[in-house]
Amino acid sequence: MPVKSAPAEDIRTTIRTLDSKINLVVERLKTLESNQEIAGRTLLALKDQVRRPAPVAERSSAPVAAVPAVDLGPLQTDFKKLKSDVKELTNTVEELKYVLDQINPLNYATVDQVKDLLDEKLKKK
């Protein structure tokens, strides 16, 4: 006979809240991963453009001043930071999932429930 009490409902509500928060974190992770992928592709495209020589038709016979190379350092730093943020969030989600799986609050009884069960056992004797 399942006992429905306010603490049990509070626990269920808390679990639902935690579940929705975990789902939000997962969605944010997916967004970060897609942003990371886009930044990576952009970085590679820019790198190719910088290293690719100008086509022959665009070159003039007059000497041209050397074009300074684009500094990709800040982009690479941002990319590495995004990558580490995604790893951090992934680890956090995995830890939360592990803790919730280990605790499994639905298996616990409240103090009132234990007292009621003890009272019933004592009355039967």
PDB file of N, CA and C in Angstrom:
ATOM      1  N   MET A   1       0.836  -1.165   0.000  1.00  0.00           N
ATOM      2  CA  MET A   1       0.000   0.000   0.000  1.00  0.00           C
ATOM      3  C   MET A   1       0.891   1.241   0.000  1.00  0.00           C
ATOM      4  N   PRO A   2       0.957   1.966  -1.106  1.00  0.00           N
ATOM      5  CA  PRO A   2       1.820   3.145  -1.159  1.00  0.00           C
ATOM      6  C   PRO A   2       1.272   4.251  -0.260  1.00  0.00           C
ATOM      7  N   VAL A   3       2.181   4.836   0.480  1.00  0.00           N
ATOM      8  CA  VAL A   3       1.810   5.915   1.376  1.00  0.00           C
ATOM      9  C   VAL A   3       2.147   7.225   0.692  1.00  0.00           C
ATOM     10  N   LYS A   4       1.135   8.054   0.509  1.00  0.00           N
ATOM     11  CA  LYS A   4       1.367   9.353  -0.119  1.00  0.00           C
ATOM     12  C   LYS A   4       1.352  10.399   0.977  1.00  0.00           C
ATOM     13  N   SER A   5       2.450  11.101   1.095  1.00  0.00           N
ATOM     14  CA  SER A   5       2.541  12.145   2.105  1.00  0.00           C
ATOM     15  C   SER A   5       3.193  13.374   1.490  1.00  0.00           C
ATOM     16  N   ALA A   6       3.115  14.439   2.234  1.00  0.00           N
ATOM     17  CA  ALA A   6       3.685  15.698   1.736  1.00  0.00           C
ATOM     18  C   ALA A   6       5.187  15.578   1.495  1.00  0.00           C
ATOM     19  N   PRO A   7       5.953  14.954   2.401  1.00  0.00           N
ATOM     20  CA  PRO A   7       7.402  14.834   2.120  1.00  0.00           C
ATOM     21  C   PRO A   7       7.696  14.016   0.857  1.00  0.00           C
ATOM     22  N   ALA A   8       6.898  12.964   0.638  1.00  0.00           N
ATOM     23  CA  ALA A   8       7.123  12.161  -0.565  1.00  0.00           C
ATOM     24  C   ALA A   8       6.841  12.987  -1.820  1.00  0.00           C
ATOM     25  N   GLU A   9       5.781  13.782  -1.746  1.00  0.00           N
ATOM     26  CA  GLU A   9       5.461  14.653  -2.886  1.00  0.00           C
ATOM     27  C   GLU A   9       6.546  15.709  -3.073  1.00  0.00           C
ATOM     28  N   ASP A  10       7.078  16.211  -1.957  1.00  0.00           N
ATOM     29  CA  ASP A  10       8.174  17.178  -2.052  1.00  0.00           C
ATOM     30  C   ASP A  10       9.394  16.562  -2.721  1.00  0.00           C
ATOM     31  N   ILE A  11       9.672  15.323  -2.370  1.00  0.00           N
ATOM     32  CA  ILE A  11      10.815  14.634  -2.980  1.00  0.00           C
ATOM     33  C   ILE A  11      10.577  14.446  -4.471  1.00  0.00           C
ATOM     34  N   ARG A  12       9.368  14.033  -4.832  1.00  0.00           N
ATOM     35  CA  ARG A  12       9.046  13.858  -6.263  1.00  0.00           C
ATOM     36  C   ARG A  12       9.172  15.181  -7.011  1.00  0.00           C
ATOM     37  N   THR A  13       8.676  16.246  -6.385  1.00  0.00           N
ATOM     38  CA  THR A  13       8.766  17.568  -7.006  1.00  0.00           C
ATOM     39  C   THR A  13      10.228  17.983  -7.173  1.00  0.00           C
ATOM     40  N   THR A  14      11.020  17.720  -6.152  1.00  0.00           N
ATOM     41  CA  THR A  14      12.449  18.050  -6.217  1.00  0.00           C
ATOM     42  C   THR A  14      13.129  17.267  -7.331  1.00  0.00           C
ATOM     43  N   ILE A  15      12.784  16.000  -7.451  1.00  0.00           N
ATOM     44  CA  ILE A  15      13.379  15.167  -8.499  1.00  0.00           C
ATOM     45  C   ILE A  15      12.981  15.683  -9.878  1.00  0.00           C
ATOM     46  N   ARG A  16      11.709  16.043 -10.034  1.00  0.00           N
ATOM     47  CA  ARG A  16      11.263  16.595 -11.331  1.00  0.00           C
ATOM     48  C   ARG A  16      12.008  17.888 -11.645  1.00  0.00           C
ATOM     49  N   THR A  17      12.190  18.722 -10.615  1.00  0.00           N
ATOM     50  CA  THR A  17      12.910  19.981 -10.805  1.00  0.00           C
ATOM     51  C   THR A  17      14.354  19.712 -11.221  1.00  0.00           C
ATOM     52  N   LEU A  18      15.000  18.782 -10.530  1.00  0.00           N
ATOM     53  CA  LEU A  18      16.385  18.435 -10.884  1.00  0.00           C
ATOM     54  C   LEU A  18      16.467  17.865 -12.289  1.00  0.00           C
ATOM     55  N   ASP A  19      15.485  17.052 -12.651  1.00  0.00           N
ATOM     56  CA  ASP A  19      15.464  16.470 -13.991  1.00  0.00           C
ATOM     57  C   ASP A  19      15.348  17.567 -15.044  1.00  0.00           C
ATOM     58  N   SER A  20      14.466  18.540 -14.796  1.00  0.00           N
ATOM     59  CA  SER A  20      14.321  19.613 -15.780  1.00  0.00           C
ATOM     60  C   SER A  20      15.578  20.471 -15.844  1.00  0.00           C
ATOM     61  N   LYS A  21      16.239  20.667 -14.712  1.00  0.00           N
ATOM     62  CA  LYS A  21      17.490  21.431 -14.723  1.00  0.00           C
ATOM     63  C   LYS A  21      18.572  20.686 -15.488  1.00  0.00           C
ATOM     64  N   ILE A  22      18.632  19.384 -15.306  1.00  0.00           N
ATOM     65  CA  ILE A  22      19.611  18.584 -16.047  1.00  0.00           C
ATOM     66  C   ILE A  22      19.318  18.667 -17.539  1.00  0.00           C
ATOM     67  N   ASN A  23      18.042  18.610 -17.905  1.00  0.00           N
ATOM     68  CA  ASN A  23      17.684  18.727 -19.321  1.00  0.00           C
ATOM     69  C   ASN A  23      18.106  20.083 -19.879  1.00  0.00           C
ATOM     70  N   LEU A  24      17.964  21.149 -19.078  1.00  0.00           N
ATOM     71  CA  LEU A  24      18.408  22.470 -19.520  1.00  0.00           C
ATOM     72  C   LEU A  24      19.919  22.503 -19.727  1.00  0.00           C
ATOM     73  N   VAL A  25      20.654  21.891 -18.817  1.00  0.00           N
ATOM     74  CA  VAL A  25      22.117  21.847 -18.942  1.00  0.00           C
ATOM     75  C   VAL A  25      22.505  21.064 -20.195  1.00  0.00           C
ATOM     76  N   VAL A  26      21.798  19.976 -20.456  1.00  0.00           N
ATOM     77  CA  VAL A  26      22.082  19.178 -21.655  1.00  0.00           C
ATOM     78  C   VAL A  26      21.829  20.013 -22.910  1.00  0.00           C
ATOM     79  N   GLU A  27      20.731  20.763 -22.936  1.00  0.00           N
ATOM     80  CA  GLU A  27      20.446  21.614 -24.093  1.00  0.00           C
ATOM     81  C   GLU A  27      21.536  22.669 -24.269  1.00  0.00           C
ATOM     82  N   ARG A  28      21.982  23.247 -23.160  1.00  0.00           N
ATOM     83  CA  ARG A  28      23.051  24.244 -23.246  1.00  0.00           C
ATOM     84  C   ARG A  28      24.344  23.609 -23.756  1.00  0.00           C
ATOM     85  N   LEU A  29      24.603  22.389 -23.328  1.00  0.00           N
ATOM     86  CA  LEU A  29      25.778  21.665 -23.820  1.00  0.00           C
ATOM     87  C   LEU A  29      25.692  21.470 -25.324  1.00  0.00           C
ATOM     88  N   LYS A  30      24.526  21.071 -25.795  1.00  0.00           N
ATOM     89  CA  LYS A  30      24.355  20.869 -27.238  1.00  0.00           C
ATOM     90  C   LYS A  30      24.586  22.174 -27.984  1.00  0.00           C
ATOM     91  N   THR A  31      24.067  23.282 -27.434  1.00  0.00           N
ATOM     92  CA  THR A  31      24.261  24.585 -28.072  1.00  0.00           C
ATOM     93  C   THR A  31      25.736  24.949 -28.090  1.00  0.00           C
ATOM     94  N   LEU A  32      26.425  24.734 -26.963  1.00  0.00           N
ATOM     95  CA  LEU A  32      27.858  25.026 -26.913  1.00  0.00           C
ATOM     96  C   LEU A  32      28.638  24.168 -27.898  1.00  0.00           C
ATOM     97  N   GLU A  33      28.259  22.905 -28.006  1.00  0.00           N
ATOM     98  CA  GLU A  33      28.953  22.022 -28.942  1.00  0.00           C
ATOM     99  C   GLU A  33      28.756  22.491 -30.375  1.00  0.00           C
ATOM    100  N   SER A  34      27.531  22.903 -30.715  1.00  0.00           N
ATOM    101  CA  SER A  34      27.299  23.372 -32.088  1.00  0.00           C
ATOM    102  C   SER A  34      28.048  24.678 -32.331  1.00  0.00           C
ATOM    103  N   ASN A  35      28.074  25.561 -31.319  1.00  0.00           N
ATOM    104  CA  ASN A  35      28.838  26.807 -31.466  1.00  0.00           C
ATOM    105  C   ASN A  35      30.329  26.519 -31.615  1.00  0.00           C
ATOM    106  N   GLN A  36      30.802  25.535 -30.874  1.00  0.00           N
ATOM    107  CA  GLN A  36      32.206  25.143 -30.965  1.00  0.00           C
ATOM    108  C   GLN A  36      32.512  24.607 -32.361  1.00  0.00           C
ATOM    109  N   GLU A  37      31.608  23.812 -32.885  1.00  0.00           N
ATOM    110  CA  GLU A  37      31.806  23.251 -34.219  1.00  0.00           C
ATOM    111  C   GLU A  37      31.838  24.359 -35.273  1.00  0.00           C
ATOM    112  N   ILE A  38      30.927  25.317 -35.150  1.00  0.00           N
ATOM    113  CA  ILE A  38      30.878  26.436 -36.098  1.00  0.00           C
ATOM    114  C   ILE A  38      32.156  27.268 -35.993  1.00  0.00           C
ATOM    115  N   ALA A  39      32.594  27.539 -34.755  1.00  0.00           N
ATOM    116  CA  ALA A  39      33.821  28.320 -34.571  1.00  0.00           C
ATOM    117  C   ALA A  39      35.019  27.581 -35.159  1.00  0.00           C
ATOM    118  N   GLY A  40      35.047  26.266 -34.997  1.00  0.00           N
ATOM    119  CA  GLY A  40      36.141  25.482 -35.563  1.00  0.00           C
ATOM    120  C   GLY A  40      36.173  25.545 -37.082  1.00  0.00           C
ATOM    121  N   ARG A  41      34.978  25.410 -37.678  1.00  0.00           N
ATOM    122  CA  ARG A  41      34.926  25.482 -39.146  1.00  0.00           C
ATOM    123  C   ARG A  41      35.338  26.863 -39.636  1.00  0.00           C
ATOM    124  N   THR A  42      34.884  27.897 -38.943  1.00  0.00           N
ATOM    125  CA  THR A  42      35.240  29.264 -39.324  1.00  0.00           C
ATOM    126  C   THR A  42      36.746  29.468 -39.202  1.00  0.00           C
ATOM    127  N   LEU A  43      37.298  28.955 -38.113  1.00  0.00           N
ATOM    128  CA  LEU A  43      38.732  29.075 -37.895  1.00  0.00           C
ATOM    129  C   LEU A  43      39.520  28.386 -39.007  1.00  0.00           C
ATOM    130  N   LEU A  44      39.086  27.200 -39.393  1.00  0.00           N
ATOM    131  CA  LEU A  44      39.772  26.480 -40.468  1.00  0.00           C
ATOM    132  C   LEU A  44      39.645  27.221 -41.804  1.00  0.00           C
ATOM    133  N   ALA A  45      38.453  27.765 -42.067  1.00  0.00           N
ATOM    134  CA  ALA A  45      38.262  28.505 -43.315  1.00  0.00           C
ATOM    135  C   ALA A  45      39.156  29.738 -43.360  1.00  0.00           C
ATOM    136  N   LEU A  46      39.227  30.466 -42.251  1.00  0.00           N
ATOM    137  CA  LEU A  46      40.087  31.647 -42.211  1.00  0.00           C
ATOM    138  C   LEU A  46      41.561  31.275 -42.345  1.00  0.00           C
ATOM    139  N   LYS A  47      41.928  30.175 -41.732  1.00  0.00           N
ATOM    140  CA  LYS A  47      43.308  29.715 -41.817  1.00  0.00           C
ATOM    141  C   LYS A  47      43.670  29.386 -43.267  1.00  0.00           C
ATOM    142  N   ASP A  48      42.750  28.719 -43.977  1.00  0.00           N
ATOM    143  CA  ASP A  48      42.982  28.388 -45.385  1.00  0.00           C
ATOM    144  C   ASP A  48      43.092  29.652 -46.230  1.00  0.00           C
ATOM    145  N   GLN A  49      42.237  30.640 -45.950  1.00  0.00           N
ATOM    146  CA  GLN A  49      42.270  31.884 -46.723  1.00  0.00           C
ATOM    147  C   GLN A  49      43.583  32.625 -46.513  1.00  0.00           C
ATOM    148  N   VAL A  50      44.089  32.605 -45.296  1.00  0.00           N
ATOM    149  CA  VAL A  50      45.336  33.313 -45.001  1.00  0.00           C
ATOM    150  C   VAL A  50      46.512  32.635 -45.688  1.00  0.00           C
ATOM    151  N   ARG A  51      46.527  31.330 -45.703  1.00  0.00           N
ATOM    152  CA  ARG A  51      47.667  30.593 -46.269  1.00  0.00           C
ATOM    153  C   ARG A  51      47.600  30.442 -47.792  1.00  0.00           C
ATOM    154  N   ARG A  52      46.413  30.568 -48.378  1.00  0.00           N
ATOM    155  CA  ARG A  52      46.252  30.372 -49.816  1.00  0.00           C
ATOM    156  C   ARG A  52      46.846  31.576 -50.568  1.00  0.00           C
ATOM    157  N   PRO A  53      47.684  31.331 -51.558  1.00  0.00           N
ATOM    158  CA  PRO A  53      48.247  32.455 -52.315  1.00  0.00           C
ATOM    159  C   PRO A  53      47.172  33.098 -53.204  1.00  0.00           C
ATOM    160  N   ALA A  54      47.386  34.357 -53.529  1.00  0.00           N
ATOM    161  CA  ALA A  54      46.431  35.070 -54.381  1.00  0.00           C
ATOM    162  C   ALA A  54      46.463  34.465 -55.782  1.00  0.00           C
ATOM    163  N   PRO A  55      45.314  34.410 -56.468  1.00  0.00           N
ATOM    164  CA  PRO A  55      45.286  33.882 -57.838  1.00  0.00           C
ATOM    165  C   PRO A  55      46.163  34.727 -58.770  1.00  0.00           C
ATOM    166  N   VAL A  56      46.638  34.103 -59.854  1.00  0.00           N
ATOM    167  CA  VAL A  56      47.557  34.748 -60.797  1.00  0.00           C
ATOM    168  C   VAL A  56      46.912  35.979 -61.429  1.00  0.00           C
ATOM    169  N   ALA A  57      45.619  35.956 -61.724  1.00  0.00           N
ATOM    170  CA  ALA A  57      44.953  37.074 -62.381  1.00  0.00           C
ATOM    171  C   ALA A  57      44.938  38.307 -61.495  1.00  0.00           C
ATOM    172  N   GLU A  58      44.911  38.119 -60.187  1.00  0.00           N
ATOM    173  CA  GLU A  58      44.848  39.262 -59.281  1.00  0.00           C
ATOM    174  C   GLU A  58      46.232  39.864 -59.041  1.00  0.00           C
ATOM    175  N   ARG A  59      47.289  39.127 -59.317  1.00  0.00           N
ATOM    176  CA  ARG A  59      48.641  39.638 -59.089  1.00  0.00           C
ATOM    177  C   ARG A  59      48.987  40.666 -60.154  1.00  0.00           C
ATOM    178  N   SER A  60      49.627  41.713 -59.728  1.00  0.00           N
ATOM    179  CA  SER A  60      50.074  42.720 -60.695  1.00  0.00           C
ATOM    180  C   SER A  60      51.577  42.573 -60.891  1.00  0.00           C
ATOM    181  N   SER A  61      52.058  43.153 -61.959  1.00  0.00           N
ATOM    182  CA  SER A  61      53.486  43.043 -62.230  1.00  0.00           C
ATOM    183  C   SER A  61      54.285  43.954 -61.311  1.00  0.00           C
ATOM    184  N   ALA A  62      53.639  44.965 -60.743  1.00  0.00           N
ATOM    185  CA  ALA A  62      54.337  45.878 -59.833  1.00  0.00           C
ATOM    186  C   ALA A  62      54.542  45.187 -58.493  1.00  0.00           C
ATOM    187  N   PRO A  63      55.658  45.511 -57.860  1.00  0.00           N
ATOM    188  CA  PRO A  63      55.889  44.903 -56.545  1.00  0.00           C
ATOM    189  C   PRO A  63      54.827  45.374 -55.552  1.00  0.00           C
ATOM    190  N   VAL A  64      54.342  44.449 -54.782  1.00  0.00           N
ATOM    191  CA  VAL A  64      53.281  44.738 -53.821  1.00  0.00           C
ATOM    192  C   VAL A  64      53.866  44.572 -52.422  1.00  0.00           C
ATOM    193  N   ALA A  65      53.451  45.457 -51.561  1.00  0.00           N
ATOM    194  CA  ALA A  65      53.935  45.359 -50.177  1.00  0.00           C
ATOM    195  C   ALA A  65      53.416  44.066 -49.568  1.00  0.00           C
ATOM    196  N   ALA A  66      54.213  43.464 -48.726  1.00  0.00           N
ATOM    197  CA  ALA A  66      53.829  42.202 -48.098  1.00  0.00           C
ATOM    198  C   ALA A  66      52.598  42.416 -47.222  1.00  0.00           C
ATOM    199  N   VAL A  67      51.640  41.529 -47.381  1.00  0.00           N
ATOM    200  CA  VAL A  67      50.414  41.605 -46.590  1.00  0.00           C
ATOM    201  C   VAL A  67      50.696  40.916 -45.252  1.00  0.00           C
ATOM    202  N   PRO A  68      50.431  41.605 -44.159  1.00  0.00           N
ATOM    203  CA  PRO A  68      50.708  40.984 -42.867  1.00  0.00           C
ATOM    204  C   PRO A  68      49.773  39.794 -42.637  1.00  0.00           C
ATOM    205  N   ALA A  69      50.314  38.764 -42.054  1.00  0.00           N
ATOM    206  CA  ALA A  69      49.512  37.567 -41.772  1.00  0.00           C
ATOM    207  C   ALA A  69      48.520  37.883 -40.654  1.00  0.00           C
ATOM    208  N   VAL A  70      47.368  37.279 -40.729  1.00  0.00           N
ATOM    209  CA  VAL A  70      46.344  37.481 -39.714  1.00  0.00           C
ATOM    210  C   VAL A  70      46.724  36.668 -38.477  1.00  0.00           C
ATOM    211  N   ASP A  71      46.620  37.299 -37.324  1.00  0.00           N
ATOM    212  CA  ASP A  71      46.954  36.612 -36.073  1.00  0.00           C
ATOM    213  C   ASP A  71      45.769  35.764 -35.634  1.00  0.00           C
ATOM    214  N   LEU A  72      45.955  34.460 -35.657  1.00  0.00           N
ATOM    215  CA  LEU A  72      44.879  33.539 -35.280  1.00  0.00           C
ATOM    216  C   LEU A  72      44.927  33.179 -33.803  1.00  0.00           C
ATOM    217  N   GLY A  73      45.861  33.726 -33.074  1.00  0.00           N
ATOM    218  CA  GLY A  73      46.020  33.409 -31.653  1.00  0.00           C
ATOM    219  C   GLY A  73      44.759  33.615 -30.831  1.00  0.00           C
ATOM    220  N   PRO A  74      44.114  34.797 -30.922  1.00  0.00           N
ATOM    221  CA  PRO A  74      42.901  35.007 -30.113  1.00  0.00           C
ATOM    222  C   PRO A  74      41.774  34.025 -30.466  1.00  0.00           C
ATOM    223  N   LEU A  75      41.636  33.711 -31.753  1.00  0.00           N
ATOM    224  CA  LEU A  75      40.593  32.756 -32.147  1.00  0.00           C
ATOM    225  C   LEU A  75      40.889  31.365 -31.603  1.00  0.00           C
ATOM    226  N   GLN A  76      42.158  30.983 -31.657  1.00  0.00           N
ATOM    227  CA  GLN A  76      42.522  29.668 -31.135  1.00  0.00           C
ATOM    228  C   GLN A  76      42.330  29.615 -29.622  1.00  0.00           C
ATOM    229  N   THR A  77      42.638  30.713 -28.947  1.00  0.00           N
ATOM    230  CA  THR A  77      42.431  30.777 -27.503  1.00  0.00           C
ATOM    231  C   THR A  77      40.951  30.636 -27.167  1.00  0.00           C
ATOM    232  N   ASP A  78      40.099  31.365 -27.911  1.00  0.00           N
ATOM    233  CA  ASP A  78      38.649  31.269 -27.690  1.00  0.00           C
ATOM    234  C   ASP A  78      38.154  29.853 -27.961  1.00  0.00           C
ATOM    235  N   PHE A  79      38.670  29.253 -28.999  1.00  0.00           N
ATOM    236  CA  PHE A  79      38.270  27.897 -29.353  1.00  0.00           C
ATOM    237  C   PHE A  79      38.648  26.921 -28.237  1.00  0.00           C
ATOM    238  N   LYS A  80      39.849  27.051 -27.709  1.00  0.00           N
ATOM    239  CA  LYS A  80      40.293  26.178 -26.617  1.00  0.00           C
ATOM    240  C   LYS A  80      39.451  26.401 -25.370  1.00  0.00           C
ATOM    241  N   LYS A  81      39.091  27.660 -25.095  1.00  0.00           N
ATOM    242  CA  LYS A  81      38.262  27.969 -23.931  1.00  0.00           C
ATOM    243  C   LYS A  81      36.878  27.352 -24.092  1.00  0.00           C
ATOM    244  N   LEU A  82      36.291  27.474 -25.278  1.00  0.00           N
ATOM    245  CA  LEU A  82      34.987  26.854 -25.523  1.00  0.00           C
ATOM    246  C   LEU A  82      35.056  25.346 -25.339  1.00  0.00           C
ATOM    247  N   LYS A  83      36.111  24.775 -25.834  1.00  0.00           N
ATOM    248  CA  LYS A  83      36.279  23.323 -25.722  1.00  0.00           C
ATOM    249  C   LYS A  83      36.377  22.905 -24.251  1.00  0.00           C
ATOM    250  N   SER A  84      37.138  23.654 -23.463  1.00  0.00           N
ATOM    251  CA  SER A  84      37.264  23.316 -22.039  1.00  0.00           C
ATOM    252  C   SER A  84      35.947  23.539 -21.302  1.00  0.00           C
ATOM    253  N   ASP A  85      35.182  24.578 -21.688  1.00  0.00           N
ATOM    254  CA  ASP A  85      33.870  24.814 -21.072  1.00  0.00           C
ATOM    255  C   ASP A  85      32.916  23.658 -21.350  1.00  0.00           C
ATOM    256  N   VAL A  86      32.944  23.161 -22.568  1.00  0.00           N
ATOM    257  CA  VAL A  86      32.076  22.029 -22.919  1.00  0.00           C
ATOM    258  C   VAL A  86      32.466  20.803 -22.108  1.00  0.00           C
ATOM    259  N   LYS A  87      33.757  20.558 -21.964  1.00  0.00           N
ATOM    260  CA  LYS A  87      34.216  19.412 -21.166  1.00  0.00           C
ATOM    261  C   LYS A  87      33.791  19.570 -19.710  1.00  0.00           C
ATOM    262  N   GLU A  88      33.907  20.790 -19.174  1.00  0.00           N
ATOM    263  CA  GLU A  88      33.512  21.056 -17.792  1.00  0.00           C
ATOM    264  C   GLU A  88      32.025  20.784 -17.581  1.00  0.00           C
ATOM    265  N   LEU A  89      31.206  21.290 -18.483  1.00  0.00           N
ATOM    266  CA  LEU A  89      29.758  21.084 -18.379  1.00  0.00           C
ATOM    267  C   LEU A  89      29.399  19.610 -18.520  1.00  0.00           C
ATOM    268  N   THR A  90      30.083  18.920 -19.417  1.00  0.00           N
ATOM    269  CA  THR A  90      29.833  17.485 -19.581  1.00  0.00           C
ATOM    270  C   THR A  90      30.159  16.743 -18.295  1.00  0.00           C
ATOM    271  N   ASN A  91      31.287  17.076 -17.686  1.00  0.00           N
ATOM    272  CA  ASN A  91      31.660  16.435 -16.422  1.00  0.00           C
ATOM    273  C   ASN A  91      30.648  16.742 -15.318  1.00  0.00           C
ATOM    274  N   THR A  92      30.173  17.975 -15.271  1.00  0.00           N
ATOM    275  CA  THR A  92      29.186  18.361 -14.257  1.00  0.00           C
ATOM    276  C   THR A  92      27.896  17.573 -14.427  1.00  0.00           C
ATOM    277  N   VAL A  93      27.447  17.446 -15.658  1.00  0.00           N
ATOM    278  CA  VAL A  93      26.215  16.692 -15.917  1.00  0.00           C
ATOM    279  C   VAL A  93      26.408  15.228 -15.549  1.00  0.00           C
ATOM    280  N   GLU A  94      27.558  14.670 -15.882  1.00  0.00           N
ATOM    281  CA  GLU A  94      27.828  13.271 -15.545  1.00  0.00           C
ATOM    282  C   GLU A  94      27.862  13.075 -14.033  1.00  0.00           C
ATOM    283  N   GLU A  95      28.459  14.036 -13.306  1.00  0.00           N
ATOM    284  CA  GLU A  95      28.496  13.944 -11.850  1.00  0.00           C
ATOM    285  C   GLU A  95      27.094  14.010 -11.257  1.00  0.00           C
ATOM    286  N   LEU A  96      26.275  14.953 -11.757  1.00  0.00           N
ATOM    287  CA  LEU A  96      24.897  15.072 -11.267  1.00  0.00           C
ATOM    288  C   LEU A  96      24.110  13.794 -11.523  1.00  0.00           C
ATOM    289  N   LYS A  97      24.274  13.244 -12.692  1.00  0.00           N
ATOM    290  CA  LYS A  97      23.567  12.010 -13.025  1.00  0.00           C
ATOM    291  C   LYS A  97      24.014  10.878 -12.107  1.00  0.00           C
ATOM    292  N   TYR A  98      25.322  10.782 -11.863  1.00  0.00           N
ATOM    293  CA  TYR A  98      25.852   9.737 -10.991  1.00  0.00           C
ATOM    294  C   TYR A  98      25.294   9.885  -9.572  1.00  0.00           C
ATOM    295  N   VAL A  99      25.302  11.120  -9.061  1.00  0.00           N
ATOM    296  CA  VAL A  99      24.801  11.356  -7.706  1.00  0.00           C
ATOM    297  C   VAL A  99      23.329  10.995  -7.606  1.00  0.00           C
ATOM    298  N   LEU A 100      22.542  11.406  -8.583  1.00  0.00           N
ATOM    299  CA  LEU A 100      21.110  11.083  -8.560  1.00  0.00           C
ATOM    300  C   LEU A 100      20.883   9.578  -8.658  1.00  0.00           C
ATOM    301  N   ASP A 101      21.674   8.905  -9.479  1.00  0.00           N
ATOM    302  CA  ASP A 101      21.534   7.450  -9.595  1.00  0.00           C
ATOM    303  C   ASP A 101      21.919   6.754  -8.297  1.00  0.00           C
ATOM    304  N   GLN A 102      22.936   7.276  -7.599  1.00  0.00           N
ATOM    305  CA  GLN A 102      23.391   6.657  -6.361  1.00  0.00           C
ATOM    306  C   GLN A 102      22.419   6.913  -5.208  1.00  0.00           C
ATOM    307  N   ILE A 103      21.884   8.114  -5.131  1.00  0.00           N
ATOM    308  CA  ILE A 103      20.991   8.466  -4.022  1.00  0.00           C
ATOM    309  C   ILE A 103      19.634   7.804  -4.185  1.00  0.00           C
ATOM    310  N   ASN A 104      19.065   7.874  -5.361  1.00  0.00           N
ATOM    311  CA  ASN A 104      17.739   7.332  -5.654  1.00  0.00           C
ATOM    312  C   ASN A 104      16.761   7.636  -4.525  1.00  0.00           C
ATOM    313  N   PRO A 105      16.369   8.911  -4.380  1.00  0.00           N
ATOM    314  CA  PRO A 105      15.554   9.339  -3.248  1.00  0.00           C
ATOM    315  C   PRO A 105      14.180   8.670  -3.174  1.00  0.00           C
ATOM    316  N   LEU A 106      13.746   8.026  -4.226  1.00  0.00           N
ATOM    317  CA  LEU A 106      12.438   7.368  -4.181  1.00  0.00           C
ATOM    318  C   LEU A 106      12.452   6.133  -3.282  1.00  0.00           C
ATOM    319  N   ASN A 107      13.641   5.612  -2.942  1.00  0.00           N
ATOM    320  CA  ASN A 107      13.731   4.431  -2.091  1.00  0.00           C
ATOM    321  C   ASN A 107      13.749   4.771  -0.604  1.00  0.00           C
ATOM    322  N   TYR A 108      13.789   6.031  -0.234  1.00  0.00           N
ATOM    323  CA  TYR A 108      13.852   6.417   1.164  1.00  0.00           C
ATOM    324  C   TYR A 108      12.447   6.599   1.739  1.00  0.00           C
ATOM    325  N   ALA A 109      12.335   6.346   3.038  1.00  0.00           N
ATOM    326  CA  ALA A 109      11.082   6.554   3.759  1.00  0.00           C
ATOM    327  C   ALA A 109      11.248   7.782   4.643  1.00  0.00           C
ATOM    328  N   THR A 110      10.151   8.479   4.874  1.00  0.00           N
ATOM    329  CA  THR A 110      10.205   9.639   5.760  1.00  0.00           C
ATOM    330  C   THR A 110      10.108   9.166   7.200  1.00  0.00           C
ATOM    331  N   VAL A 111      10.450  10.044   8.126  1.00  0.00           N
ATOM    332  CA  VAL A 111      10.394   9.716   9.547  1.00  0.00           C
ATOM    333  C   VAL A 111       8.965   9.379   9.953  1.00  0.00           C
ATOM    334  N   ASP A 112       7.996  10.127   9.451  1.00  0.00           N
ATOM    335  CA  ASP A 112       6.590   9.863   9.776  1.00  0.00           C
ATOM    336  C   ASP A 112       6.161   8.484   9.282  1.00  0.00           C
ATOM    337  N   GLN A 113       6.618   8.110   8.099  1.00  0.00           N
ATOM    338  CA  GLN A 113       6.261   6.800   7.564  1.00  0.00           C
ATOM    339  C   GLN A 113       6.840   5.691   8.431  1.00  0.00           C
ATOM    340  N   VAL A 114       8.077   5.847   8.891  1.00  0.00           N
ATOM    341  CA  VAL A 114       8.705   4.833   9.740  1.00  0.00           C
ATOM    342  C   VAL A 114       7.971   4.740  11.080  1.00  0.00           C
ATOM    343  N   LYS A 115       7.606   5.887  11.644  1.00  0.00           N
ATOM    344  CA  LYS A 115       6.862   5.881  12.908  1.00  0.00           C
ATOM    345  C   LYS A 115       5.526   5.163  12.744  1.00  0.00           C
ATOM    346  N   ASP A 116       4.827   5.435  11.653  1.00  0.00           N
ATOM    347  CA  ASP A 116       3.542   4.772  11.399  1.00  0.00           C
ATOM    348  C   ASP A 116       3.726   3.262  11.286  1.00  0.00           C
ATOM    349  N   LEU A 117       4.758   2.832  10.569  1.00  0.00           N
ATOM    350  CA  LEU A 117       5.013   1.397  10.428  1.00  0.00           C
ATOM    351  C   LEU A 117       5.344   0.753  11.771  1.00  0.00           C
ATOM    352  N   LEU A 118       6.138   1.440  12.596  1.00  0.00           N
ATOM    353  CA  LEU A 118       6.463   0.915  13.923  1.00  0.00           C
ATOM    354  C   LEU A 118       5.220   0.824  14.805  1.00  0.00           C
ATOM    355  N   ASP A 119       4.381   1.847  14.737  1.00  0.00           N
ATOM    356  CA  ASP A 119       3.133   1.823  15.509  1.00  0.00           C
ATOM    357  C   ASP A 119       2.254   0.653  15.082  1.00  0.00           C
ATOM    358  N   GLU A 120       2.154   0.411  13.787  1.00  0.00           N
ATOM    359  CA  GLU A 120       1.347  -0.710  13.284  1.00  0.00           C
ATOM    360  C   GLU A 120       1.907  -2.039  13.780  1.00  0.00           C
ATOM    361  N   LYS A 121       3.229  -2.199  13.761  1.00  0.00           N
ATOM    362  CA  LYS A 121       3.848  -3.443  14.221  1.00  0.00           C
ATOM    363  C   LYS A 121       3.604  -3.643  15.718  1.00  0.00           C
ATOM    364  N   LEU A 122       3.721  -2.592  16.478  1.00  0.00           N
ATOM    365  CA  LEU A 122       3.517  -2.686  17.927  1.00  0.00           C
ATOM    366  C   LEU A 122       2.066  -3.012  18.266  1.00  0.00           C
ATOM    367  N   LYS A 123       1.137  -2.469  17.483  1.00  0.00           N
ATOM    368  CA  LYS A 123      -0.286  -2.738  17.725  1.00  0.00           C
ATOM    369  C   LYS A 123      -0.627  -4.189  17.408  1.00  0.00           C
ATOM    370  N   LYS A 124       0.035  -4.762  16.410  1.00  0.00           N
ATOM    371  CA  LYS A 124      -0.226  -6.146  16.026  1.00  0.00           C
ATOM    372  C   LYS A 124       0.252  -7.128  17.093  1.00  0.00           C
ATOM    373  N   LYS A 125       1.268  -6.784  17.848  1.00  0.00           N
ATOM    374  CA  LYS A 125       1.825  -7.679  18.883  1.00  0.00           C
ATOM    375  C   LYS A 125       0.959  -7.635  20.082  1.00  0.00           C
TER     376      LYS A 125
END
